[in-house]
Amino acid sequence: MNYTLKNMPEEIYEKIKVRAERNRRSINGEIIAILGEVTTPRRVSAEEFLARADEIRARTKGSVTDDFLREAKREGLP
């Protein structure tokens, strides 16, 4: 199947070009790889999900507490 991509902004093209060079692919191959990545769901195990959550918590150093989240939710309600 063939598809022509039109009106791609130069900045995006340059980023794809750099990424393609880094991955030793053609521009076309890189675009196909990117589309494959974003259209294929990735299952994450519960352990991996919790590990990532713990990592984020460690980086926020306690600034995101349950009380903080409750207040943020309250403020967002009409």
Protein backbone atom coordinates (compact mmCIF):
# COMPACT_ATOMS: atom_id res chain seq x y z
CA MET A 1 0.00 0.00 0.00
CA ASN A 2 1.30 3.46 -0.85
CA TYR A 3 0.50 6.73 0.84
CA THR A 4 1.78 10.23 0.20
CA LEU A 5 2.27 12.49 3.19
CA LYS A 6 1.76 16.15 2.31
CA ASN A 7 2.46 19.41 4.09
CA MET A 8 4.74 17.97 6.78
CA PRO A 9 6.25 20.84 8.79
CA GLU A 10 10.00 21.14 8.27
CA GLU A 11 10.69 20.81 12.02
CA ILE A 12 8.92 17.45 12.18
CA TYR A 13 10.69 16.22 9.05
CA GLU A 14 14.07 17.11 10.53
CA LYS A 15 13.28 15.27 13.78
CA ILE A 16 12.19 12.19 11.84
CA LYS A 17 15.32 12.42 9.70
CA VAL A 18 17.57 12.49 12.79
CA ARG A 19 15.67 9.61 14.36
CA ALA A 20 15.87 7.61 11.10
CA GLU A 21 19.64 8.13 10.93
CA ARG A 22 20.02 7.10 14.57
CA ASN A 23 18.01 3.93 13.93
CA ARG A 24 19.67 3.29 10.55
CA ARG A 25 16.38 3.46 8.67
CA SER A 26 15.06 5.39 5.71
CA ILE A 27 12.63 8.26 6.37
CA ASN A 28 9.83 6.01 5.12
CA GLY A 29 10.95 3.15 7.37
CA GLU A 30 11.10 5.45 10.36
CA ILE A 31 7.60 6.82 9.75
CA ILE A 32 6.28 3.24 9.49
CA ALA A 33 8.07 2.33 12.74
CA ILE A 34 6.62 5.39 14.52
CA LEU A 35 3.11 4.60 13.29
CA GLY A 36 3.55 1.00 14.43
CA GLU A 37 4.61 2.14 17.91
CA VAL A 38 1.69 4.49 18.42
CA THR A 39 -0.97 2.15 17.04
CA THR A 40 0.08 -1.00 18.91
CA PRO A 41 -1.20 -1.17 22.48
CA ARG A 42 1.48 -2.05 25.01
CA ARG A 43 0.46 -4.12 27.99
CA VAL A 44 2.15 -3.16 31.24
CA SER A 45 2.27 -5.61 34.14
CA ALA A 46 0.88 -4.50 37.48
CA GLU A 47 4.39 -4.70 38.94
CA GLU A 48 5.81 -2.42 36.23
CA PHE A 49 2.93 0.04 36.65
CA LEU A 50 3.44 0.20 40.43
CA ALA A 51 7.20 0.55 40.03
CA ARG A 52 6.69 3.50 37.67
CA ALA A 53 4.21 5.06 40.11
CA ASP A 54 6.74 4.70 42.95
CA GLU A 55 9.40 6.31 40.76
CA ILE A 56 7.15 9.29 40.03
CA ARG A 57 6.26 9.63 43.71
CA ALA A 58 9.94 9.66 44.61
CA ARG A 59 10.58 12.46 42.10
CA THR A 60 7.71 14.59 43.44
CA LYS A 61 9.11 14.25 46.97
CA GLY A 62 5.74 14.08 48.69
CA SER A 63 4.28 17.20 47.08
CA VAL A 64 1.40 15.19 45.60
CA THR A 65 -0.55 13.89 48.57
CA ASP A 66 -4.06 12.48 48.81
CA ASP A 67 -5.21 15.78 50.33
CA PHE A 68 -3.61 17.70 47.46
CA LEU A 69 -5.40 15.51 44.91
CA ARG A 70 -8.76 15.80 46.71
CA GLU A 71 -8.45 19.59 46.77
CA ALA A 72 -7.45 19.70 43.10
CA LYS A 73 -10.48 17.58 42.20
CA ARG A 74 -12.75 19.83 44.29
CA GLU A 75 -11.40 22.96 42.60
CA GLY A 76 -12.03 21.45 39.17
CA LEU A 77 -15.70 20.80 39.86
CA PRO A 78 -18.34 23.38 38.85
